[in-house]
Amino acid sequence: TLKFQTWLRQHRPGAHFYHMDLPIRW
């Protein structure tokens, strides 16, 4: 999260990010 996503925001400003925090099977 700290390294790659920071780099991606600089080099691909159109990048999208989505976090899934709710479990499916429980």
mmCIF file of all heavy atoms, coordinates in Angstrom:
data_MODEL
# 
_entry.id   MODEL 
# 
loop_
_atom_site.group_PDB 
_atom_site.id 
_atom_site.type_symbol 
_atom_site.label_atom_id 
_atom_site.label_alt_id 
_atom_site.label_comp_id 
_atom_site.label_asym_id 
_atom_site.label_entity_id 
_atom_site.label_seq_id 
_atom_site.pdbx_PDB_ins_code 
_atom_site.Cartn_x 
_atom_site.Cartn_y 
_atom_site.Cartn_z 
_atom_site.occupancy 
_atom_site.B_iso_or_equiv 
_atom_site.pdbx_formal_charge 
_atom_site.auth_seq_id 
_atom_site.auth_comp_id 
_atom_site.auth_asym_id 
_atom_site.auth_atom_id 
_atom_site.pdbx_PDB_model_num 
ATOM 1   N N   . THR A 1 1  ? 0.822   -1.204  0.000   1.00 0.00 ? 1  THR A N   1 
ATOM 2   C CA  . THR A 1 1  ? 0.000   0.000   0.000   1.00 0.00 ? 1  THR A CA  1 
ATOM 3   C C   . THR A 1 1  ? 0.859   1.257   0.000   1.00 0.00 ? 1  THR A C   1 
ATOM 4   O O   . THR A 1 1  ? 0.622   2.193   -0.771  1.00 0.00 ? 1  THR A O   1 
ATOM 5   C CB  . THR A 1 1  ? -0.927  0.012   1.229   1.00 0.00 ? 1  THR A CB  1 
ATOM 6   O OG1 . THR A 1 1  ? -1.676  -1.200  1.243   1.00 0.00 ? 1  THR A OG1 1 
ATOM 7   C CG2 . THR A 1 1  ? -1.870  1.188   1.200   1.00 0.00 ? 1  THR A CG2 1 
ATOM 8   N N   . LEU A 1 2  ? 1.876   1.277   0.848   1.00 0.00 ? 2  LEU A N   1 
ATOM 9   C CA  . LEU A 1 2  ? 2.690   2.476   1.005   1.00 0.00 ? 2  LEU A CA  1 
ATOM 10  C C   . LEU A 1 2  ? 3.550   2.757   -0.215  1.00 0.00 ? 2  LEU A C   1 
ATOM 11  O O   . LEU A 1 2  ? 3.676   3.903   -0.641  1.00 0.00 ? 2  LEU A O   1 
ATOM 12  C CB  . LEU A 1 2  ? 3.586   2.343   2.246   1.00 0.00 ? 2  LEU A CB  1 
ATOM 13  C CG  . LEU A 1 2  ? 2.862   2.316   3.601   1.00 0.00 ? 2  LEU A CG  1 
ATOM 14  C CD1 . LEU A 1 2  ? 3.849   2.006   4.708   1.00 0.00 ? 2  LEU A CD1 1 
ATOM 15  C CD2 . LEU A 1 2  ? 2.178   3.647   3.864   1.00 0.00 ? 2  LEU A CD2 1 
ATOM 16  N N   . LYS A 1 3  ? 4.127   1.713   -0.791  1.00 0.00 ? 3  LYS A N   1 
ATOM 17  C CA  . LYS A 1 3  ? 5.124   1.920   -1.839  1.00 0.00 ? 3  LYS A CA  1 
ATOM 18  C C   . LYS A 1 3  ? 4.521   1.888   -3.236  1.00 0.00 ? 3  LYS A C   1 
ATOM 19  O O   . LYS A 1 3  ? 4.632   2.848   -3.997  1.00 0.00 ? 3  LYS A O   1 
ATOM 20  C CB  . LYS A 1 3  ? 6.228   0.875   -1.698  1.00 0.00 ? 3  LYS A CB  1 
ATOM 21  C CG  . LYS A 1 3  ? 6.959   0.976   -0.368  1.00 0.00 ? 3  LYS A CG  1 
ATOM 22  C CD  . LYS A 1 3  ? 7.889   -0.211  -0.135  1.00 0.00 ? 3  LYS A CD  1 
ATOM 23  C CE  . LYS A 1 3  ? 8.511   -0.169  1.251   1.00 0.00 ? 3  LYS A CE  1 
ATOM 24  N NZ  . LYS A 1 3  ? 9.335   -1.374  1.535   1.00 0.00 ? 3  LYS A NZ  1 
ATOM 25  N N   . PHE A 1 4  ? 3.876   0.767   -3.589  1.00 0.00 ? 4  PHE A N   1 
ATOM 26  C CA  . PHE A 1 4  ? 3.395   0.618   -4.956  1.00 0.00 ? 4  PHE A CA  1 
ATOM 27  C C   . PHE A 1 4  ? 2.257   1.595   -5.266  1.00 0.00 ? 4  PHE A C   1 
ATOM 28  O O   . PHE A 1 4  ? 2.250   2.242   -6.314  1.00 0.00 ? 4  PHE A O   1 
ATOM 29  C CB  . PHE A 1 4  ? 2.938   -0.818  -5.206  1.00 0.00 ? 4  PHE A CB  1 
ATOM 30  C CG  . PHE A 1 4  ? 2.393   -1.038  -6.586  1.00 0.00 ? 4  PHE A CG  1 
ATOM 31  C CD1 . PHE A 1 4  ? 3.188   -0.844  -7.705  1.00 0.00 ? 4  PHE A CD1 1 
ATOM 32  C CD2 . PHE A 1 4  ? 1.071   -1.431  -6.772  1.00 0.00 ? 4  PHE A CD2 1 
ATOM 33  C CE1 . PHE A 1 4  ? 2.690   -1.042  -8.982  1.00 0.00 ? 4  PHE A CE1 1 
ATOM 34  C CE2 . PHE A 1 4  ? 0.569   -1.627  -8.040  1.00 0.00 ? 4  PHE A CE2 1 
ATOM 35  C CZ  . PHE A 1 4  ? 1.381   -1.438  -9.147  1.00 0.00 ? 4  PHE A CZ  1 
ATOM 36  N N   . GLN A 1 5  ? 1.287   1.703   -4.362  1.00 0.00 ? 5  GLN A N   1 
ATOM 37  C CA  . GLN A 1 5  ? 0.159   2.573   -4.652  1.00 0.00 ? 5  GLN A CA  1 
ATOM 38  C C   . GLN A 1 5  ? 0.581   4.034   -4.722  1.00 0.00 ? 5  GLN A C   1 
ATOM 39  O O   . GLN A 1 5  ? 0.048   4.810   -5.526  1.00 0.00 ? 5  GLN A O   1 
ATOM 40  C CB  . GLN A 1 5  ? -0.941  2.366   -3.614  1.00 0.00 ? 5  GLN A CB  1 
ATOM 41  C CG  . GLN A 1 5  ? -1.559  0.969   -3.669  1.00 0.00 ? 5  GLN A CG  1 
ATOM 42  C CD  . GLN A 1 5  ? -2.848  0.866   -2.898  1.00 0.00 ? 5  GLN A CD  1 
ATOM 43  O OE1 . GLN A 1 5  ? -3.571  1.837   -2.737  1.00 0.00 ? 5  GLN A OE1 1 
ATOM 44  N NE2 . GLN A 1 5  ? -3.159  -0.325  -2.410  1.00 0.00 ? 5  GLN A NE2 1 
ATOM 45  N N   . THR A 1 6  ? 1.548   4.427   -3.903  1.00 0.00 ? 6  THR A N   1 
ATOM 46  C CA  . THR A 1 6  ? 2.064   5.794   -3.982  1.00 0.00 ? 6  THR A CA  1 
ATOM 47  C C   . THR A 1 6  ? 2.724   6.041   -5.332  1.00 0.00 ? 6  THR A C   1 
ATOM 48  O O   . THR A 1 6  ? 2.502   7.077   -5.973  1.00 0.00 ? 6  THR A O   1 
ATOM 49  C CB  . THR A 1 6  ? 3.075   6.043   -2.846  1.00 0.00 ? 6  THR A CB  1 
ATOM 50  O OG1 . THR A 1 6  ? 2.425   5.861   -1.594  1.00 0.00 ? 6  THR A OG1 1 
ATOM 51  C CG2 . THR A 1 6  ? 3.632   7.453   -2.926  1.00 0.00 ? 6  THR A CG2 1 
ATOM 52  N N   . TRP A 1 7  ? 3.525   5.067   -5.776  1.00 0.00 ? 7  TRP A N   1 
ATOM 53  C CA  . TRP A 1 7  ? 4.190   5.182   -7.089  1.00 0.00 ? 7  TRP A CA  1 
ATOM 54  C C   . TRP A 1 7  ? 3.154   5.224   -8.203  1.00 0.00 ? 7  TRP A C   1 
ATOM 55  O O   . TRP A 1 7  ? 3.270   5.997   -9.158  1.00 0.00 ? 7  TRP A O   1 
ATOM 56  C CB  . TRP A 1 7  ? 5.128   3.992   -7.280  1.00 0.00 ? 7  TRP A CB  1 
ATOM 57  C CG  . TRP A 1 7  ? 5.849   3.984   -8.598  1.00 0.00 ? 7  TRP A CG  1 
ATOM 58  C CD1 . TRP A 1 7  ? 7.056   4.537   -8.885  1.00 0.00 ? 7  TRP A CD1 1 
ATOM 59  C CD2 . TRP A 1 7  ? 5.381   3.374   -9.818  1.00 0.00 ? 7  TRP A CD2 1 
ATOM 60  N NE1 . TRP A 1 7  ? 7.388   4.321   -10.199 1.00 0.00 ? 7  TRP A NE1 1 
ATOM 61  C CE2 . TRP A 1 7  ? 6.382   3.615   -10.797 1.00 0.00 ? 7  TRP A CE2 1 
ATOM 62  C CE3 . TRP A 1 7  ? 4.247   2.669   -10.184 1.00 0.00 ? 7  TRP A CE3 1 
ATOM 63  C CZ2 . TRP A 1 7  ? 6.268   3.162   -12.110 1.00 0.00 ? 7  TRP A CZ2 1 
ATOM 64  C CZ3 . TRP A 1 7  ? 4.112   2.227   -11.491 1.00 0.00 ? 7  TRP A CZ3 1 
ATOM 65  C CH2 . TRP A 1 7  ? 5.119   2.467   -12.441 1.00 0.00 ? 7  TRP A CH2 1 
ATOM 66  N N   . LEU A 1 8  ? 2.114   4.396   -8.085  1.00 0.00 ? 8  LEU A N   1 
ATOM 67  C CA  . LEU A 1 8  ? 1.100   4.311   -9.135  1.00 0.00 ? 8  LEU A CA  1 
ATOM 68  C C   . LEU A 1 8  ? 0.332   5.621   -9.265  1.00 0.00 ? 8  LEU A C   1 
ATOM 69  O O   . LEU A 1 8  ? 0.014   6.057   -10.383 1.00 0.00 ? 8  LEU A O   1 
ATOM 70  C CB  . LEU A 1 8  ? 0.138   3.162   -8.817  1.00 0.00 ? 8  LEU A CB  1 
ATOM 71  C CG  . LEU A 1 8  ? -0.646  2.545   -9.977  1.00 0.00 ? 8  LEU A CG  1 
ATOM 72  C CD1 . LEU A 1 8  ? 0.305   2.013   -11.031 1.00 0.00 ? 8  LEU A CD1 1 
ATOM 73  C CD2 . LEU A 1 8  ? -1.542  1.427   -9.469  1.00 0.00 ? 8  LEU A CD2 1 
ATOM 74  N N   . ARG A 1 9  ? 0.043   6.258   -8.166  1.00 0.00 ? 9  ARG A N   1 
ATOM 75  C CA  . ARG A 1 9  ? -0.674  7.541   -8.222  1.00 0.00 ? 9  ARG A CA  1 
ATOM 76  C C   . ARG A 1 9  ? 0.145   8.603   -8.954  1.00 0.00 ? 9  ARG A C   1 
ATOM 77  O O   . ARG A 1 9  ? -0.414  9.501   -9.593  1.00 0.00 ? 9  ARG A O   1 
ATOM 78  C CB  . ARG A 1 9  ? -1.019  8.015   -6.807  1.00 0.00 ? 9  ARG A CB  1 
ATOM 79  C CG  . ARG A 1 9  ? -2.161  7.225   -6.154  1.00 0.00 ? 9  ARG A CG  1 
ATOM 80  C CD  . ARG A 1 9  ? -2.565  7.824   -4.827  1.00 0.00 ? 9  ARG A CD  1 
ATOM 81  N NE  . ARG A 1 9  ? -3.759  7.191   -4.297  1.00 0.00 ? 9  ARG A NE  1 
ATOM 82  C CZ  . ARG A 1 9  ? -3.762  6.165   -3.467  1.00 0.00 ? 9  ARG A CZ  1 
ATOM 83  N NH1 . ARG A 1 9  ? -2.606  5.643   -3.063  1.00 0.00 ? 9  ARG A NH1 1 
ATOM 84  N NH2 . ARG A 1 9  ? -4.896  5.636   -3.038  1.00 0.00 ? 9  ARG A NH2 1 
ATOM 85  N N   . GLN A 1 10 ? 1.469   8.501   -8.869  1.00 0.00 ? 10 GLN A N   1 
ATOM 86  C CA  . GLN A 1 10 ? 2.336   9.465   -9.547  1.00 0.00 ? 10 GLN A CA  1 
ATOM 87  C C   . GLN A 1 10 ? 2.443   9.177   -11.039 1.00 0.00 ? 10 GLN A C   1 
ATOM 88  O O   . GLN A 1 10 ? 2.445   10.103  -11.857 1.00 0.00 ? 10 GLN A O   1 
ATOM 89  C CB  . GLN A 1 10 ? 3.729   9.454   -8.908  1.00 0.00 ? 10 GLN A CB  1 
ATOM 90  C CG  . GLN A 1 10 ? 3.742   9.913   -7.457  1.00 0.00 ? 10 GLN A CG  1 
ATOM 91  C CD  . GLN A 1 10 ? 5.105   9.717   -6.813  1.00 0.00 ? 10 GLN A CD  1 
ATOM 92  O OE1 . GLN A 1 10 ? 5.988   9.064   -7.376  1.00 0.00 ? 10 GLN A OE1 1 
ATOM 93  N NE2 . GLN A 1 10 ? 5.277   10.277  -5.626  1.00 0.00 ? 10 GLN A NE2 1 
ATOM 94  N N   . HIS A 1 11 ? 2.557   7.880   -11.403 1.00 0.00 ? 11 HIS A N   1 
ATOM 95  C CA  . HIS A 1 11 ? 2.830   7.513   -12.797 1.00 0.00 ? 11 HIS A CA  1 
ATOM 96  C C   . HIS A 1 11 ? 1.580   7.138   -13.582 1.00 0.00 ? 11 HIS A C   1 
ATOM 97  O O   . HIS A 1 11 ? 1.623   7.099   -14.820 1.00 0.00 ? 11 HIS A O   1 
ATOM 98  C CB  . HIS A 1 11 ? 3.833   6.355   -12.831 1.00 0.00 ? 11 HIS A CB  1 
ATOM 99  C CG  . HIS A 1 11 ? 5.194   6.720   -12.332 1.00 0.00 ? 11 HIS A CG  1 
ATOM 100 N ND1 . HIS A 1 11 ? 5.510   6.751   -10.990 1.00 0.00 ? 11 HIS A ND1 1 
ATOM 101 C CD2 . HIS A 1 11 ? 6.317   7.098   -12.993 1.00 0.00 ? 11 HIS A CD2 1 
ATOM 102 C CE1 . HIS A 1 11 ? 6.773   7.106   -10.840 1.00 0.00 ? 11 HIS A CE1 1 
ATOM 103 N NE2 . HIS A 1 11 ? 7.279   7.330   -12.030 1.00 0.00 ? 11 HIS A NE2 1 
ATOM 104 N N   . ARG A 1 12 ? 0.492   6.832   -12.913 1.00 0.00 ? 12 ARG A N   1 
ATOM 105 C CA  . ARG A 1 12 ? -0.783  6.539   -13.563 1.00 0.00 ? 12 ARG A CA  1 
ATOM 106 C C   . ARG A 1 12 ? -1.880  7.277   -12.801 1.00 0.00 ? 12 ARG A C   1 
ATOM 107 O O   . ARG A 1 12 ? -2.639  6.681   -12.044 1.00 0.00 ? 12 ARG A O   1 
ATOM 108 C CB  . ARG A 1 12 ? -1.066  5.027   -13.593 1.00 0.00 ? 12 ARG A CB  1 
ATOM 109 C CG  . ARG A 1 12 ? -0.169  4.224   -14.501 1.00 0.00 ? 12 ARG A CG  1 
ATOM 110 C CD  . ARG A 1 12 ? -0.457  4.524   -15.984 1.00 0.00 ? 12 ARG A CD  1 
ATOM 111 N NE  . ARG A 1 12 ? 0.316   3.647   -16.856 1.00 0.00 ? 12 ARG A NE  1 
ATOM 112 C CZ  . ARG A 1 12 ? 1.543   3.923   -17.288 1.00 0.00 ? 12 ARG A CZ  1 
ATOM 113 N NH1 . ARG A 1 12 ? 2.140   5.056   -16.916 1.00 0.00 ? 12 ARG A NH1 1 
ATOM 114 N NH2 . ARG A 1 12 ? 2.167   3.081   -18.099 1.00 0.00 ? 12 ARG A NH2 1 
ATOM 115 N N   . PRO A 1 13 ? -1.967  8.595   -12.989 1.00 0.00 ? 13 PRO A N   1 
ATOM 116 C CA  . PRO A 1 13 ? -2.938  9.384   -12.202 1.00 0.00 ? 13 PRO A CA  1 
ATOM 117 C C   . PRO A 1 13 ? -4.381  8.953   -12.411 1.00 0.00 ? 13 PRO A C   1 
ATOM 118 O O   . PRO A 1 13 ? -5.241  9.279   -11.594 1.00 0.00 ? 13 PRO A O   1 
ATOM 119 C CB  . PRO A 1 13 ? -2.702  10.824  -12.707 1.00 0.00 ? 13 PRO A CB  1 
ATOM 120 C CG  . PRO A 1 13 ? -1.971  10.678  -14.012 1.00 0.00 ? 13 PRO A CG  1 
ATOM 121 C CD  . PRO A 1 13 ? -1.168  9.423   -13.900 1.00 0.00 ? 13 PRO A CD  1 
ATOM 122 N N   . GLY A 1 14 ? -4.658  8.205   -13.487 1.00 0.00 ? 14 GLY A N   1 
ATOM 123 C CA  . GLY A 1 14 ? -6.017  7.723   -13.717 1.00 0.00 ? 14 GLY A CA  1 
ATOM 124 C C   . GLY A 1 14 ? -6.312  6.391   -13.052 1.00 0.00 ? 14 GLY A C   1 
ATOM 125 O O   . GLY A 1 14 ? -7.398  5.819   -13.247 1.00 0.00 ? 14 GLY A O   1 
ATOM 126 N N   . ALA A 1 15 ? -5.361  5.859   -12.275 1.00 0.00 ? 15 ALA A N   1 
ATOM 127 C CA  . ALA A 1 15 ? -5.542  4.565   -11.618 1.00 0.00 ? 15 ALA A CA  1 
ATOM 128 C C   . ALA A 1 15 ? -6.695  4.617   -10.616 1.00 0.00 ? 15 ALA A C   1 
ATOM 129 O O   . ALA A 1 15 ? -6.990  5.656   -10.025 1.00 0.00 ? 15 ALA A O   1 
ATOM 130 C CB  . ALA A 1 15 ? -4.253  4.152   -10.910 1.00 0.00 ? 15 ALA A CB  1 
ATOM 131 N N   . HIS A 1 16 ? -7.349  3.478   -10.443 1.00 0.00 ? 16 HIS A N   1 
ATOM 132 C CA  . HIS A 1 16 ? -8.461  3.370   -9.494  1.00 0.00 ? 16 HIS A CA  1 
ATOM 133 C C   . HIS A 1 16 ? -8.092  2.395   -8.376  1.00 0.00 ? 16 HIS A C   1 
ATOM 134 O O   . HIS A 1 16 ? -7.354  1.424   -8.591  1.00 0.00 ? 16 HIS A O   1 
ATOM 135 C CB  . HIS A 1 16 ? -9.720  2.887   -10.207 1.00 0.00 ? 16 HIS A CB  1 
ATOM 136 C CG  . HIS A 1 16 ? -10.217 3.830   -11.261 1.00 0.00 ? 16 HIS A CG  1 
ATOM 137 N ND1 . HIS A 1 16 ? -10.967 4.946   -10.984 1.00 0.00 ? 16 HIS A ND1 1 
ATOM 138 C CD2 . HIS A 1 16 ? -10.035 3.829   -12.609 1.00 0.00 ? 16 HIS A CD2 1 
ATOM 139 C CE1 . HIS A 1 16 ? -11.246 5.590   -12.097 1.00 0.00 ? 16 HIS A CE1 1 
ATOM 140 N NE2 . HIS A 1 16 ? -10.689 4.929   -13.114 1.00 0.00 ? 16 HIS A NE2 1 
ATOM 141 N N   . PHE A 1 17 ? -8.647  2.642   -7.194  1.00 0.00 ? 17 PHE A N   1 
ATOM 142 C CA  . PHE A 1 17 ? -8.336  1.829   -6.022  1.00 0.00 ? 17 PHE A CA  1 
ATOM 143 C C   . PHE A 1 17 ? -9.646  1.454   -5.328  1.00 0.00 ? 17 PHE A C   1 
ATOM 144 O O   . PHE A 1 17 ? -10.526 2.297   -5.145  1.00 0.00 ? 17 PHE A O   1 
ATOM 145 C CB  . PHE A 1 17 ? -7.437  2.596   -5.053  1.00 0.00 ? 17 PHE A CB  1 
ATOM 146 C CG  . PHE A 1 17 ? -6.158  3.084   -5.681  1.00 0.00 ? 17 PHE A CG  1 
ATOM 147 C CD1 . PHE A 1 17 ? -6.112  4.314   -6.329  1.00 0.00 ? 17 PHE A CD1 1 
ATOM 148 C CD2 . PHE A 1 17 ? -5.004  2.319   -5.639  1.00 0.00 ? 17 PHE A CD2 1 
ATOM 149 C CE1 . PHE A 1 17 ? -4.947  4.764   -6.917  1.00 0.00 ? 17 PHE A CE1 1 
ATOM 150 C CE2 . PHE A 1 17 ? -3.834  2.759   -6.233  1.00 0.00 ? 17 PHE A CE2 1 
ATOM 151 C CZ  . PHE A 1 17 ? -3.808  3.986   -6.876  1.00 0.00 ? 17 PHE A CZ  1 
ATOM 152 N N   . TYR A 1 18 ? -9.747  0.174   -4.962  1.00 0.00 ? 18 TYR A N   1 
ATOM 153 C CA  . TYR A 1 18 ? -10.968 -0.287  -4.296  1.00 0.00 ? 18 TYR A CA  1 
ATOM 154 C C   . TYR A 1 18 ? -10.590 -1.313  -3.234  1.00 0.00 ? 18 TYR A C   1 
ATOM 155 O O   . TYR A 1 18 ? -9.859  -2.270  -3.516  1.00 0.00 ? 18 TYR A O   1 
ATOM 156 C CB  . TYR A 1 18 ? -11.939 -0.907  -5.302  1.00 0.00 ? 18 TYR A CB  1 
ATOM 157 C CG  . TYR A 1 18 ? -13.297 -1.211  -4.713  1.00 0.00 ? 18 TYR A CG  1 
ATOM 158 C CD1 . TYR A 1 18 ? -14.142 -0.191  -4.293  1.00 0.00 ? 18 TYR A CD1 1 
ATOM 159 C CD2 . TYR A 1 18 ? -13.739 -2.527  -4.580  1.00 0.00 ? 18 TYR A CD2 1 
ATOM 160 C CE1 . TYR A 1 18 ? -15.395 -0.470  -3.753  1.00 0.00 ? 18 TYR A CE1 1 
ATOM 161 C CE2 . TYR A 1 18 ? -14.991 -2.813  -4.047  1.00 0.00 ? 18 TYR A CE2 1 
ATOM 162 C CZ  . TYR A 1 18 ? -15.808 -1.783  -3.628  1.00 0.00 ? 18 TYR A CZ  1 
ATOM 163 O OH  . TYR A 1 18 ? -17.040 -2.050  -3.090  1.00 0.00 ? 18 TYR A OH  1 
ATOM 164 N N   . HIS A 1 19 ? -11.092 -1.085  -2.018  1.00 0.00 ? 19 HIS A N   1 
ATOM 165 C CA  . HIS A 1 19 ? -10.786 -1.992  -0.904  1.00 0.00 ? 19 HIS A CA  1 
ATOM 166 C C   . HIS A 1 19 ? -12.046 -2.717  -0.467  1.00 0.00 ? 19 HIS A C   1 
ATOM 167 O O   . HIS A 1 19 ? -13.094 -2.100  -0.242  1.00 0.00 ? 19 HIS A O   1 
ATOM 168 C CB  . HIS A 1 19 ? -10.208 -1.219  0.281   1.00 0.00 ? 19 HIS A CB  1 
ATOM 169 C CG  . HIS A 1 19 ? -9.862  -2.105  1.441   1.00 0.00 ? 19 HIS A CG  1 
ATOM 170 N ND1 . HIS A 1 19 ? -8.860  -3.047  1.382   1.00 0.00 ? 19 HIS A ND1 1 
ATOM 171 C CD2 . HIS A 1 19 ? -10.401 -2.200  2.687   1.00 0.00 ? 19 HIS A CD2 1 
ATOM 172 C CE1 . HIS A 1 19 ? -8.777  -3.687  2.538   1.00 0.00 ? 19 HIS A CE1 1 
ATOM 173 N NE2 . HIS A 1 19 ? -9.705  -3.194  3.341   1.00 0.00 ? 19 HIS A NE2 1 
ATOM 174 N N   . MET A 1 20 ? -11.950 -4.046  -0.351  1.00 0.00 ? 20 MET A N   1 
ATOM 175 C CA  . MET A 1 20 ? -13.059 -4.880  0.103   1.00 0.00 ? 20 MET A CA  1 
ATOM 176 C C   . MET A 1 20 ? -12.813 -5.253  1.565   1.00 0.00 ? 20 MET A C   1 
ATOM 177 O O   . MET A 1 20 ? -11.915 -6.036  1.861   1.00 0.00 ? 20 MET A O   1 
ATOM 178 C CB  . MET A 1 20 ? -13.167 -6.136  -0.772  1.00 0.00 ? 20 MET A CB  1 
ATOM 179 C CG  . MET A 1 20 ? -13.343 -5.832  -2.254  1.00 0.00 ? 20 MET A CG  1 
ATOM 180 S SD  . MET A 1 20 ? -13.174 -7.309  -3.300  1.00 0.00 ? 20 MET A SD  1 
ATOM 181 C CE  . MET A 1 20 ? -14.624 -8.253  -2.790  1.00 0.00 ? 20 MET A CE  1 
ATOM 182 N N   . ASP A 1 21 ? -13.597 -4.680  2.456   1.00 0.00 ? 21 ASP A N   1 
ATOM 183 C CA  . ASP A 1 21 ? -13.362 -4.936  3.881   1.00 0.00 ? 21 ASP A CA  1 
ATOM 184 C C   . ASP A 1 21 ? -14.425 -5.824  4.513   1.00 0.00 ? 21 ASP A C   1 
ATOM 185 O O   . ASP A 1 21 ? -14.300 -6.222  5.672   1.00 0.00 ? 21 ASP A O   1 
ATOM 186 C CB  . ASP A 1 21 ? -13.255 -3.622  4.657   1.00 0.00 ? 21 ASP A CB  1 
ATOM 187 C CG  . ASP A 1 21 ? -14.507 -2.765  4.519   1.00 0.00 ? 21 ASP A CG  1 
ATOM 188 O OD1 . ASP A 1 21 ? -15.369 -3.093  3.669   1.00 0.00 ? 21 ASP A OD1 1 
ATOM 189 O OD2 . ASP A 1 21 ? -14.621 -1.762  5.246   1.00 0.00 ? 21 ASP A OD2 1 
ATOM 190 N N   . LEU A 1 22 ? -15.489 -6.142  3.765   1.00 0.00 ? 22 LEU A N   1 
ATOM 191 C CA  . LEU A 1 22 ? -16.563 -6.966  4.324   1.00 0.00 ? 22 LEU A CA  1 
ATOM 192 C C   . LEU A 1 22 ? -16.409 -8.412  3.874   1.00 0.00 ? 22 LEU A C   1 
ATOM 193 O O   . LEU A 1 22 ? -16.306 -8.684  2.683   1.00 0.00 ? 22 LEU A O   1 
ATOM 194 C CB  . LEU A 1 22 ? -17.928 -6.432  3.889   1.00 0.00 ? 22 LEU A CB  1 
ATOM 195 C CG  . LEU A 1 22 ? -18.238 -4.990  4.307   1.00 0.00 ? 22 LEU A CG  1 
ATOM 196 C CD1 . LEU A 1 22 ? -19.572 -4.558  3.737   1.00 0.00 ? 22 LEU A CD1 1 
ATOM 197 C CD2 . LEU A 1 22 ? -18.220 -4.853  5.827   1.00 0.00 ? 22 LEU A CD2 1 
ATOM 198 N N   . PRO A 1 23 ? -16.383 -9.359  4.804   1.00 0.00 ? 23 PRO A N   1 
ATOM 199 C CA  . PRO A 1 23 ? -16.205 -10.769 4.432   1.00 0.00 ? 23 PRO A CA  1 
ATOM 200 C C   . PRO A 1 23 ? -17.410 -11.316 3.684   1.00 0.00 ? 23 PRO A C   1 
ATOM 201 O O   . PRO A 1 23 ? -18.537 -10.843 3.864   1.00 0.00 ? 23 PRO A O   1 
ATOM 202 C CB  . PRO A 1 23 ? -16.021 -11.478 5.775   1.00 0.00 ? 23 PRO A CB  1 
ATOM 203 C CG  . PRO A 1 23 ? -16.687 -10.578 6.774   1.00 0.00 ? 23 PRO A CG  1 
ATOM 204 C CD  . PRO A 1 23 ? -16.506 -9.183  6.267   1.00 0.00 ? 23 PRO A CD  1 
ATOM 205 N N   . ILE A 1 24 ? -17.173 -12.313 2.834   1.00 0.00 ? 24 ILE A N   1 
ATOM 206 C CA  . ILE A 1 24 ? -18.227 -12.942 2.053   1.00 0.00 ? 24 ILE A CA  1 
ATOM 207 C C   . ILE A 1 24 ? -18.721 -14.224 2.714   1.00 0.00 ? 24 ILE A C   1 
ATOM 208 O O   . ILE A 1 24 ? -19.924 -14.477 2.803   1.00 0.00 ? 24 ILE A O   1 
ATOM 209 C CB  . ILE A 1 24 ? -17.722 -13.262 0.624   1.00 0.00 ? 24 ILE A CB  1 
ATOM 210 C CG1 . ILE A 1 24 ? -17.434 -11.970 -0.122  1.00 0.00 ? 24 ILE A CG1 1 
ATOM 211 C CG2 . ILE A 1 24 ? -18.735 -14.115 -0.132  1.00 0.00 ? 24 ILE A CG2 1 
ATOM 212 C CD1 . ILE A 1 24 ? -18.640 -11.136 -0.419  1.00 0.00 ? 24 ILE A CD1 1 
ATOM 213 N N   . ARG A 1 25 ? -17.791 -15.037 3.200   1.00 0.00 ? 25 ARG A N   1 
ATOM 214 C CA  . ARG A 1 25 ? -18.169 -16.368 3.684   1.00 0.00 ? 25 ARG A CA  1 
ATOM 215 C C   . ARG A 1 25 ? -18.506 -16.404 5.175   1.00 0.00 ? 25 ARG A C   1 
ATOM 216 O O   . ARG A 1 25 ? -18.876 -17.440 5.700   1.00 0.00 ? 25 ARG A O   1 
ATOM 217 C CB  . ARG A 1 25 ? -17.042 -17.373 3.378   1.00 0.00 ? 25 ARG A CB  1 
ATOM 218 C CG  . ARG A 1 25 ? -16.806 -17.560 1.895   1.00 0.00 ? 25 ARG A CG  1 
ATOM 219 C CD  . ARG A 1 25 ? -15.989 -18.800 1.602   1.00 0.00 ? 25 ARG A CD  1 
ATOM 220 N NE  . ARG A 1 25 ? -14.700 -18.824 2.254   1.00 0.00 ? 25 ARG A NE  1 
ATOM 221 C CZ  . ARG A 1 25 ? -13.602 -18.259 1.753   1.00 0.00 ? 25 ARG A CZ  1 
ATOM 222 N NH1 . ARG A 1 25 ? -13.654 -17.622 0.607   1.00 0.00 ? 25 ARG A NH1 1 
ATOM 223 N NH2 . ARG A 1 25 ? -12.453 -18.332 2.387   1.00 0.00 ? 25 ARG A NH2 1 
ATOM 224 N N   . TRP A 1 26 ? -18.345 -15.269 5.856   1.00 0.00 ? 26 TRP A N   1 
ATOM 225 C CA  . TRP A 1 26 ? -18.743 -15.188 7.256   1.00 0.00 ? 26 TRP A CA  1 
ATOM 226 C C   . TRP A 1 26 ? -19.073 -13.742 7.590   1.00 0.00 ? 26 TRP A C   1 
ATOM 227 O O   . TRP A 1 26 ? -18.782 -12.823 6.807   1.00 0.00 ? 26 TRP A O   1 
ATOM 228 C CB  . TRP A 1 26 ? -17.642 -15.715 8.179   1.00 0.00 ? 26 TRP A CB  1 
ATOM 229 C CG  . TRP A 1 26 ? -16.281 -15.117 7.930   1.00 0.00 ? 26 TRP A CG  1 
ATOM 230 C CD1 . TRP A 1 26 ? -15.817 -13.898 8.360   1.00 0.00 ? 26 TRP A CD1 1 
ATOM 231 C CD2 . TRP A 1 26 ? -15.210 -15.698 7.179   1.00 0.00 ? 26 TRP A CD2 1 
ATOM 232 N NE1 . TRP A 1 26 ? -14.529 -13.698 7.937   1.00 0.00 ? 26 TRP A NE1 1 
ATOM 233 C CE2 . TRP A 1 26 ? -14.126 -14.792 7.210   1.00 0.00 ? 26 TRP A CE2 1 
ATOM 234 C CE3 . TRP A 1 26 ? -15.054 -16.907 6.498   1.00 0.00 ? 26 TRP A CE3 1 
ATOM 235 C CZ2 . TRP A 1 26 ? -12.917 -15.041 6.576   1.00 0.00 ? 26 TRP A CZ2 1 
ATOM 236 C CZ3 . TRP A 1 26 ? -13.847 -17.164 5.868   1.00 0.00 ? 26 TRP A CZ3 1 
ATOM 237 C CH2 . TRP A 1 26 ? -12.795 -16.245 5.912   1.00 0.00 ? 26 TRP A CH2 1 
# 
